[in-house]
Amino acid sequence: MKKYTQIHKLSDNRFLNLFKLDALTDSGRPFDYFFVSRRKAENIKLLTKDIAAEGVVIYPIVKDNPNQIVLIRQYRYPLDDYLYELPAGLIDAGETPDMAAVREMKEETGLDFEVYSAGNEAYRRPFFMGAGFTDESCNAVFGYASGTISRADMEDTESIQVLIADKKEAARILKEERVSLRAAYLLMNFLHADQNAPFDFLK
């Protein structure tokens, strides 16, 4: 049984739009269901059934010290507060997730990023973000960060503080601070990683 009858696009924004479904319960009762998508109306995943990612989250181990990781502390308007996160961003047209990760890392932190491509490919495929309210999916990209932190390429719409955290600080952040879910789960891996093989959890 089809679970909706019509799709209505309710906004017109470059980055994110609101849709309303004329949805149906399992018994056939109609109700309104709202969700957001980064895609054009004709390409929302409800129609295409694909899982291609709209964005990336970056897991950047410090190349010269694998017991450290690059984090950001970013102001988030819906919270009116700062959130500890990993660098992340949208995939531009024509980019691969790896290319987007290199670009976003430079824009958000000023650091260079070397993609780690070994390990199980299953851990780098797209996963959905929050399917109760969006069709967005995301690739995790793992690798090494190097260079000097800089704000030179940061967009003025983003309020970002860049920090280097060791395992003690990462554990404190997980215990005491506001943290995004993506960062929280990846930091759990970081806390248990071997500095001599920091990506072994991808095997």
Protein backbone atom coordinates (compact mmCIF):
# COMPACT_ATOMS: atom_id res chain seq x y z
CA MET A 1 0.00 0.00 0.00
CA LYS A 2 1.29 3.44 -0.94
CA LYS A 3 1.87 5.59 2.16
CA TYR A 4 1.10 9.01 0.63
CA THR A 5 -1.01 10.55 -2.12
CA GLN A 6 0.61 13.96 -2.83
CA ILE A 7 3.85 15.85 -2.17
CA HIS A 8 3.81 19.62 -1.61
CA LYS A 9 6.96 21.79 -1.63
CA LEU A 10 6.36 24.57 0.91
CA SER A 11 9.52 26.67 0.66
CA ASP A 12 12.08 27.85 -1.87
CA ASN A 13 15.57 27.99 -0.40
CA ARG A 14 18.97 27.24 -1.90
CA PHE A 15 20.12 24.87 0.84
CA LEU A 16 17.09 23.28 2.51
CA ASN A 17 13.35 23.08 1.81
CA LEU A 18 10.22 22.02 3.64
CA PHE A 19 7.88 19.43 2.14
CA LYS A 20 4.44 18.23 3.21
CA LEU A 21 3.15 14.79 2.40
CA ASP A 22 -0.53 13.92 2.22
CA ALA A 23 0.38 10.80 4.14
CA LEU A 24 -1.59 7.67 4.97
CA THR A 25 -1.47 5.46 8.04
CA ASP A 26 -1.35 1.68 7.71
CA SER A 27 -5.15 1.69 8.03
CA GLY A 28 -5.49 4.28 5.26
CA ARG A 29 -6.29 7.29 7.46
CA PRO A 30 -4.89 10.53 5.95
CA PHE A 31 -2.63 12.88 7.92
CA ASP A 32 -0.04 15.60 7.26
CA TYR A 33 3.65 14.64 7.43
CA PHE A 34 6.41 17.25 7.17
CA PHE A 35 10.08 16.76 6.30
CA VAL A 36 13.01 18.75 4.94
CA SER A 37 15.35 17.97 2.06
CA ARG A 38 18.45 19.52 0.50
CA ARG A 39 17.36 18.24 -2.90
CA LYS A 40 15.20 19.67 -5.65
CA ALA A 41 11.59 18.53 -5.52
CA GLU A 42 11.97 16.11 -8.41
CA ASN A 43 15.02 14.44 -6.82
CA ILE A 44 13.95 13.86 -3.22
CA LYS A 45 14.82 10.37 -2.07
CA LEU A 46 11.19 9.42 -1.55
CA LEU A 47 11.04 9.48 -5.38
CA THR A 48 14.54 8.38 -6.41
CA LYS A 49 15.07 5.69 -3.72
CA ASP A 50 18.85 6.33 -3.84
CA ILE A 51 21.09 6.89 -0.81
CA ALA A 52 23.69 9.25 -2.31
CA ALA A 53 25.10 11.62 0.29
CA GLU A 54 24.49 15.35 0.37
CA GLY A 55 27.30 15.95 2.84
CA VAL A 56 30.40 14.67 4.58
CA VAL A 57 31.63 14.48 8.15
CA ILE A 58 35.42 14.46 8.53
CA TYR A 59 37.42 12.37 11.01
CA PRO A 60 40.76 14.24 11.04
CA ILE A 61 43.55 12.67 13.09
CA VAL A 62 46.57 14.95 13.55
CA LYS A 63 49.26 13.51 11.29
CA ASP A 64 52.18 14.33 13.60
CA ASN A 65 50.37 13.06 16.70
CA PRO A 66 47.69 10.38 16.17
CA ASN A 67 46.62 10.78 19.80
CA GLN A 68 45.05 14.10 18.80
CA ILE A 69 42.03 14.93 16.67
CA VAL A 70 40.77 18.15 15.09
CA LEU A 71 37.42 19.33 16.41
CA ILE A 72 35.36 22.44 15.87
CA ARG A 73 33.09 24.33 18.23
CA GLN A 74 30.38 25.89 16.08
CA TYR A 75 27.51 28.25 16.87
CA ARG A 76 24.20 26.67 15.91
CA TYR A 77 21.24 29.02 15.51
CA PRO A 78 18.49 26.52 16.49
CA LEU A 79 20.25 26.08 19.85
CA ASP A 80 21.52 29.66 20.31
CA ASP A 81 24.65 27.97 21.60
CA TYR A 82 27.92 26.39 20.53
CA LEU A 83 28.16 22.69 19.75
CA TYR A 84 31.26 20.50 19.65
CA GLU A 85 31.43 18.84 16.25
CA LEU A 86 33.76 17.34 13.68
CA PRO A 87 34.44 19.39 10.53
CA ALA A 88 31.70 18.75 7.97
CA GLY A 89 29.95 20.23 4.97
CA LEU A 90 27.96 19.75 1.81
CA ILE A 91 29.18 18.00 -1.32
CA ASP A 92 29.26 20.42 -4.25
CA ALA A 93 28.19 19.43 -7.76
CA GLY A 94 30.91 17.39 -9.44
CA GLU A 95 32.68 16.53 -6.18
CA THR A 96 33.30 13.15 -4.64
CA PRO A 97 32.96 12.86 -0.86
CA ASP A 98 36.76 12.77 -0.57
CA MET A 99 37.10 15.96 -2.59
CA ALA A 100 34.44 17.67 -0.50
CA ALA A 101 36.24 16.63 2.70
CA VAL A 102 39.54 18.14 1.55
CA ARG A 103 37.82 21.40 0.55
CA GLU A 104 35.67 21.67 3.67
CA MET A 105 38.63 20.94 5.95
CA LYS A 106 40.56 23.80 4.38
CA GLU A 107 37.58 26.17 4.52
CA GLU A 108 36.62 25.44 8.13
CA THR A 109 40.03 24.98 9.73
CA GLY A 110 42.75 26.11 7.31
CA LEU A 111 44.31 22.65 7.63
CA ASP A 112 45.30 20.27 4.86
CA PHE A 113 43.59 16.87 4.80
CA GLU A 114 45.00 13.59 3.50
CA VAL A 115 42.27 10.99 2.95
CA TYR A 116 42.80 7.51 4.43
CA SER A 117 41.38 5.10 1.86
CA ALA A 118 42.14 1.66 3.34
CA GLY A 119 39.83 -0.45 5.45
CA ASN A 120 36.31 -1.71 4.91
CA GLU A 121 34.43 0.35 2.30
CA ALA A 122 31.16 -0.41 4.10
CA TYR A 123 32.08 2.15 6.76
CA ARG A 124 32.37 4.91 4.16
CA ARG A 125 29.07 4.42 2.38
CA PRO A 126 26.28 6.98 2.97
CA PHE A 127 24.21 6.70 6.13
CA PHE A 128 21.01 8.59 6.88
CA MET A 129 21.03 11.53 9.27
CA GLY A 130 17.56 11.67 10.81
CA ALA A 131 14.95 9.97 8.67
CA GLY A 132 12.09 11.15 10.87
CA PHE A 133 12.50 14.68 9.52
CA THR A 134 14.92 14.62 6.57
CA ASP A 135 16.04 12.44 3.66
CA GLU A 136 19.64 13.69 4.01
CA SER A 137 22.48 11.18 4.13
CA CYS A 138 26.17 11.65 4.83
CA ASN A 139 29.55 10.02 4.14
CA ALA A 140 32.24 9.82 6.80
CA VAL A 141 35.70 10.58 5.41
CA PHE A 142 38.72 9.53 7.48
CA GLY A 143 42.25 10.84 7.27
CA TYR A 144 45.14 12.93 8.55
CA ALA A 145 45.21 16.68 9.16
CA SER A 146 48.33 18.82 8.95
CA GLY A 147 49.38 22.41 8.55
CA THR A 148 48.42 25.57 10.42
CA ILE A 149 44.96 26.49 11.69
CA SER A 150 43.60 29.53 9.84
CA ARG A 151 40.33 31.42 9.42
CA ALA A 152 41.28 32.77 5.99
CA ASP A 153 38.81 30.62 4.00
CA MET A 154 36.00 30.49 6.56
CA GLU A 155 32.58 31.75 5.43
CA ASP A 156 31.25 34.73 7.38
CA THR A 157 27.95 32.90 7.97
CA GLU A 158 29.83 30.33 10.08
CA SER A 159 31.00 31.01 13.62
CA ILE A 160 33.63 28.32 14.18
CA GLN A 161 36.39 27.81 16.72
CA VAL A 162 39.00 25.18 15.77
CA LEU A 163 40.68 23.10 18.45
CA ILE A 164 43.05 20.15 18.74
CA ALA A 165 41.91 17.64 21.36
CA ASP A 166 43.83 14.80 22.93
CA LYS A 167 42.04 11.77 24.37
CA LYS A 168 41.69 13.30 27.83
CA GLU A 169 40.03 16.39 26.41
CA ALA A 170 37.84 14.33 24.07
CA ALA A 171 36.62 12.28 27.05
CA ARG A 172 35.86 15.47 28.96
CA ILE A 173 33.94 16.91 26.02
CA LEU A 174 31.84 13.76 25.71
CA LYS A 175 31.05 13.88 29.42
CA GLU A 176 30.43 17.59 29.92
CA GLU A 177 29.71 19.48 26.70
CA ARG A 178 27.05 19.75 24.03
CA VAL A 179 28.17 17.45 21.21
CA SER A 180 26.68 16.49 17.86
CA LEU A 181 25.71 12.82 17.54
CA ARG A 182 28.07 12.23 14.61
CA ALA A 183 31.00 13.64 16.56
CA ALA A 184 30.06 11.74 19.71
CA TYR A 185 30.08 8.31 18.08
CA LEU A 186 33.28 8.97 16.17
CA LEU A 187 34.99 10.33 19.28
CA MET A 188 34.15 7.05 21.02
CA ASN A 189 36.23 5.31 18.36
CA PHE A 190 39.01 7.87 18.80
CA LEU A 191 39.20 7.22 22.54
CA HIS A 192 39.92 3.52 21.94
CA ALA A 193 42.17 3.90 18.87
CA ASP A 194 45.80 2.77 18.88
CA GLN A 195 48.13 5.66 18.06
CA ASN A 196 50.21 3.30 15.94
CA ALA A 197 47.16 2.21 13.93
CA PRO A 198 44.55 4.96 14.41
CA PHE A 199 42.23 3.67 11.69
CA ASP A 200 42.24 -0.03 12.61
CA PHE A 201 38.59 0.25 13.64
CA LEU A 202 37.80 0.56 9.93
CA LYS A 203 39.02 -2.97 9.17
